[in-house]
C-alpha cells in the first residue's frame, strides 16, 4: 500500500481510509495475495461501467509518462529485503 501513497505523494493512512470507505460502499472489492491487499472495481457495483469510463477519460488528460507509470502492473510483490 505504501507504493500507492508514495506514488501520489499522500499520507499512507489517508489512502488506506479512502480505500476502506470505497470498499465499505461497495465500489471496490479486495483480494489478498499473501500480505498484499489488491483492490479492484466491484463487478456488481451498479455504476461500475460509467465509473470506469470516467476514470479512463480522466487518465487520457495525464502526461504520457504518468499514464505509463499508472498502467505498470507488477506481477508479484517484491522479495523481502530487496531494495
N, C-alpha and C. Protein backbone atom coordinates (compact mmCIF):
# COMPACT_ATOMS: atom_id res chain seq x y z
N UNK A 1 0.83 -1.19 0.00
CA UNK A 1 0.00 0.00 0.00
C UNK A 1 0.87 1.25 0.00
N UNK A 2 2.03 1.14 0.57
CA UNK A 2 2.92 2.29 0.63
C UNK A 2 3.20 2.82 -0.77
N UNK A 3 3.30 1.92 -1.76
CA UNK A 3 3.57 2.33 -3.13
C UNK A 3 2.55 3.32 -3.65
N UNK A 4 1.27 3.08 -3.37
CA UNK A 4 0.22 3.99 -3.83
C UNK A 4 0.35 5.35 -3.15
N UNK A 5 0.57 5.36 -1.87
CA UNK A 5 0.71 6.62 -1.14
C UNK A 5 1.94 7.38 -1.64
N UNK A 6 3.04 6.68 -1.85
CA UNK A 6 4.25 7.32 -2.36
C UNK A 6 4.01 7.87 -3.77
N UNK A 7 3.33 7.09 -4.59
CA UNK A 7 3.08 7.49 -5.98
C UNK A 7 2.34 8.82 -6.04
N UNK A 8 1.34 8.98 -5.17
CA UNK A 8 0.54 10.19 -5.18
C UNK A 8 1.03 11.22 -4.17
N UNK A 9 2.16 10.94 -3.53
CA UNK A 9 2.72 11.85 -2.53
C UNK A 9 1.67 12.20 -1.48
N UNK A 10 1.02 11.15 -0.96
CA UNK A 10 -0.07 11.31 0.01
C UNK A 10 0.26 10.54 1.28
N UNK A 11 -0.46 10.87 2.33
CA UNK A 11 -0.33 10.18 3.59
C UNK A 11 -0.87 8.76 3.46
N UNK A 12 -0.11 7.77 3.89
CA UNK A 12 -0.49 6.37 3.77
C UNK A 12 -1.84 6.10 4.43
N UNK A 13 -2.04 6.57 5.63
CA UNK A 13 -3.29 6.30 6.35
C UNK A 13 -4.49 6.92 5.63
N UNK A 14 -4.31 8.07 5.02
CA UNK A 14 -5.40 8.71 4.27
C UNK A 14 -5.81 7.86 3.07
N UNK A 15 -4.82 7.32 2.37
CA UNK A 15 -5.10 6.45 1.22
C UNK A 15 -5.82 5.19 1.71
N UNK A 16 -5.34 4.60 2.79
CA UNK A 16 -5.98 3.40 3.32
C UNK A 16 -7.43 3.67 3.71
N UNK A 17 -7.67 4.78 4.36
CA UNK A 17 -9.03 5.13 4.79
C UNK A 17 -9.97 5.29 3.60
N UNK A 18 -9.49 5.95 2.54
CA UNK A 18 -10.34 6.14 1.36
C UNK A 18 -10.65 4.81 0.69
N UNK A 19 -9.64 3.94 0.59
CA UNK A 19 -9.88 2.62 0.01
C UNK A 19 -10.87 1.82 0.86
N UNK A 20 -10.75 1.92 2.18
CA UNK A 20 -11.69 1.23 3.06
C UNK A 20 -13.11 1.76 2.89
N UNK A 21 -13.25 3.07 2.73
CA UNK A 21 -14.58 3.67 2.53
C UNK A 21 -15.18 3.22 1.21
N UNK A 22 -14.38 3.20 0.16
CA UNK A 22 -14.88 2.75 -1.15
C UNK A 22 -15.26 1.27 -1.10
N UNK A 23 -14.51 0.50 -0.35
CA UNK A 23 -14.84 -0.91 -0.18
C UNK A 23 -16.14 -1.08 0.62
N UNK A 24 -16.28 -0.33 1.68
CA UNK A 24 -17.49 -0.40 2.50
C UNK A 24 -18.72 0.04 1.71
N UNK A 25 -18.54 0.97 0.78
CA UNK A 25 -19.64 1.44 -0.06
C UNK A 25 -19.95 0.52 -1.23
N UNK A 26 -19.16 -0.54 -1.39
CA UNK A 26 -19.42 -1.49 -2.46
C UNK A 26 -18.81 -1.13 -3.79
N UNK A 27 -18.05 -0.03 -3.85
CA UNK A 27 -17.43 0.39 -5.11
C UNK A 27 -16.23 -0.49 -5.44
N UNK A 28 -15.45 -0.86 -4.42
CA UNK A 28 -14.26 -1.67 -4.60
C UNK A 28 -14.42 -3.01 -3.89
N UNK A 29 -13.68 -3.99 -4.36
CA UNK A 29 -13.53 -5.27 -3.67
C UNK A 29 -12.04 -5.50 -3.51
N UNK A 30 -11.68 -6.28 -2.51
CA UNK A 30 -10.26 -6.56 -2.30
C UNK A 30 -9.98 -8.04 -2.47
N UNK A 31 -8.73 -8.31 -2.76
CA UNK A 31 -8.24 -9.69 -2.87
C UNK A 31 -6.89 -9.71 -2.18
N UNK A 32 -6.74 -10.63 -1.27
CA UNK A 32 -5.46 -10.75 -0.55
C UNK A 32 -4.57 -11.76 -1.25
N UNK A 33 -3.33 -11.33 -1.47
CA UNK A 33 -2.29 -12.21 -2.01
C UNK A 33 -1.14 -12.11 -1.02
N UNK A 34 -1.04 -13.08 -0.14
CA UNK A 34 -0.07 -13.00 0.94
C UNK A 34 -0.43 -11.85 1.85
N UNK A 35 0.51 -10.94 2.06
CA UNK A 35 0.26 -9.76 2.90
C UNK A 35 -0.21 -8.57 2.08
N UNK A 36 -0.31 -8.75 0.77
CA UNK A 36 -0.70 -7.66 -0.12
C UNK A 36 -2.21 -7.67 -0.32
N UNK A 37 -2.80 -6.51 -0.24
CA UNK A 37 -4.25 -6.36 -0.45
C UNK A 37 -4.44 -5.58 -1.75
N UNK A 38 -5.00 -6.25 -2.76
CA UNK A 38 -5.23 -5.64 -4.06
C UNK A 38 -6.69 -5.23 -4.18
N UNK A 39 -6.92 -4.03 -4.66
CA UNK A 39 -8.28 -3.52 -4.84
C UNK A 39 -8.61 -3.47 -6.31
N UNK A 40 -9.89 -3.72 -6.62
CA UNK A 40 -10.39 -3.56 -7.99
C UNK A 40 -11.84 -3.11 -7.90
N UNK A 41 -12.36 -2.63 -9.03
CA UNK A 41 -13.76 -2.23 -9.04
C UNK A 41 -14.64 -3.45 -8.84
N UNK A 42 -15.69 -3.30 -8.05
CA UNK A 42 -16.63 -4.37 -7.79
C UNK A 42 -17.44 -4.61 -9.07
N UNK A 43 -17.37 -5.82 -9.64
CA UNK A 43 -18.12 -6.08 -10.88
C UNK A 43 -19.64 -5.98 -10.69
N UNK A 44 -20.11 -6.06 -9.47
CA UNK A 44 -21.55 -5.97 -9.19
C UNK A 44 -22.01 -4.56 -8.84
N UNK A 45 -21.10 -3.62 -8.77
CA UNK A 45 -21.46 -2.24 -8.46
C UNK A 45 -22.26 -1.68 -9.63
N UNK A 46 -23.47 -1.14 -9.39
CA UNK A 46 -24.35 -0.75 -10.49
C UNK A 46 -23.79 0.36 -11.40
N UNK A 47 -22.90 1.19 -10.89
CA UNK A 47 -22.35 2.28 -11.70
C UNK A 47 -20.91 2.01 -12.11
N UNK A 48 -20.53 0.76 -12.15
CA UNK A 48 -19.16 0.39 -12.47
C UNK A 48 -18.76 0.87 -13.87
N UNK A 49 -19.56 0.59 -14.88
CA UNK A 49 -19.19 0.97 -16.25
C UNK A 49 -19.00 2.47 -16.41
N UNK A 50 -19.95 3.31 -15.94
CA UNK A 50 -19.71 4.75 -16.07
C UNK A 50 -18.51 5.23 -15.24
N UNK A 51 -18.27 4.61 -14.10
CA UNK A 51 -17.13 5.00 -13.27
C UNK A 51 -15.81 4.66 -13.96
N UNK A 52 -15.73 3.47 -14.54
CA UNK A 52 -14.52 3.08 -15.28
C UNK A 52 -14.33 4.01 -16.48
N UNK A 53 -15.42 4.35 -17.17
CA UNK A 53 -15.33 5.26 -18.31
C UNK A 53 -14.82 6.64 -17.87
N UNK A 54 -15.30 7.11 -16.72
CA UNK A 54 -14.86 8.40 -16.20
C UNK A 54 -13.38 8.38 -15.85
N UNK A 55 -12.93 7.34 -15.18
CA UNK A 55 -11.52 7.23 -14.80
C UNK A 55 -10.65 7.14 -16.06
N UNK A 56 -11.10 6.36 -17.03
CA UNK A 56 -10.34 6.21 -18.28
C UNK A 56 -10.25 7.55 -19.01
N UNK A 57 -11.34 8.27 -19.08
CA UNK A 57 -11.34 9.58 -19.74
C UNK A 57 -10.44 10.57 -19.00
N UNK A 58 -10.52 10.59 -17.68
CA UNK A 58 -9.68 11.49 -16.90
C UNK A 58 -8.20 11.17 -17.11
N UNK A 59 -7.89 9.87 -17.17
CA UNK A 59 -6.50 9.45 -17.35
C UNK A 59 -5.94 9.89 -18.69
N UNK A 60 -6.80 10.04 -19.69
CA UNK A 60 -6.33 10.44 -21.03
C UNK A 60 -5.76 11.86 -21.04
N UNK A 61 -6.06 12.66 -20.03
CA UNK A 61 -5.54 14.02 -19.95
C UNK A 61 -4.19 14.09 -19.24
N UNK A 62 -3.74 12.99 -18.66
CA UNK A 62 -2.46 12.95 -17.96
C UNK A 62 -1.30 12.92 -18.95
N UNK A 63 -0.12 13.37 -18.55
CA UNK A 63 1.07 13.24 -19.41
C UNK A 63 1.37 11.75 -19.67
N UNK A 64 1.93 11.48 -20.84
CA UNK A 64 2.18 10.09 -21.25
C UNK A 64 3.03 9.31 -20.24
N UNK A 65 4.07 9.92 -19.69
CA UNK A 65 4.92 9.20 -18.74
C UNK A 65 4.16 8.84 -17.46
N UNK A 66 3.24 9.70 -17.04
CA UNK A 66 2.43 9.39 -15.86
C UNK A 66 1.46 8.24 -16.16
N UNK A 67 0.88 8.23 -17.35
CA UNK A 67 -0.02 7.13 -17.74
C UNK A 67 0.73 5.81 -17.72
N UNK A 68 1.95 5.80 -18.23
CA UNK A 68 2.75 4.57 -18.23
C UNK A 68 3.03 4.11 -16.80
N UNK A 69 3.33 5.03 -15.91
CA UNK A 69 3.56 4.66 -14.50
C UNK A 69 2.29 4.14 -13.85
N UNK A 70 1.14 4.74 -14.17
CA UNK A 70 -0.13 4.28 -13.62
C UNK A 70 -0.50 2.89 -14.13
N UNK A 71 -0.18 2.61 -15.39
CA UNK A 71 -0.56 1.34 -16.00
C UNK A 71 0.41 0.21 -15.69
N UNK A 72 1.55 0.52 -15.08
CA UNK A 72 2.51 -0.52 -14.73
C UNK A 72 1.85 -1.53 -13.82
N UNK A 73 1.98 -2.80 -14.16
CA UNK A 73 1.31 -3.85 -13.39
C UNK A 73 2.37 -4.84 -12.91
N UNK A 74 2.75 -4.69 -11.66
CA UNK A 74 3.72 -5.61 -11.07
C UNK A 74 3.06 -6.97 -10.93
N UNK A 75 3.74 -8.02 -11.32
CA UNK A 75 3.17 -9.36 -11.31
C UNK A 75 3.12 -9.98 -9.91
N UNK A 76 4.06 -9.62 -9.06
CA UNK A 76 4.09 -10.20 -7.72
C UNK A 76 4.80 -9.22 -6.79
N UNK A 77 4.58 -9.37 -5.50
CA UNK A 77 5.28 -8.48 -4.56
C UNK A 77 6.79 -8.71 -4.60
N UNK A 78 7.54 -7.69 -4.23
CA UNK A 78 8.99 -7.81 -4.18
C UNK A 78 9.41 -8.79 -3.10
N UNK A 79 10.54 -9.44 -3.34
CA UNK A 79 11.10 -10.34 -2.34
C UNK A 79 11.47 -9.51 -1.11
N UNK A 80 11.22 -10.04 0.07
CA UNK A 80 11.50 -9.30 1.30
C UNK A 80 12.98 -8.96 1.39
N UNK A 81 13.28 -7.72 1.72
CA UNK A 81 14.66 -7.25 1.85
C UNK A 81 15.28 -6.78 0.55
N UNK A 82 14.56 -6.90 -0.57
CA UNK A 82 15.10 -6.45 -1.86
C UNK A 82 14.97 -4.94 -1.95
N UNK A 83 16.01 -4.24 -2.41
CA UNK A 83 15.93 -2.76 -2.48
C UNK A 83 14.96 -2.30 -3.55
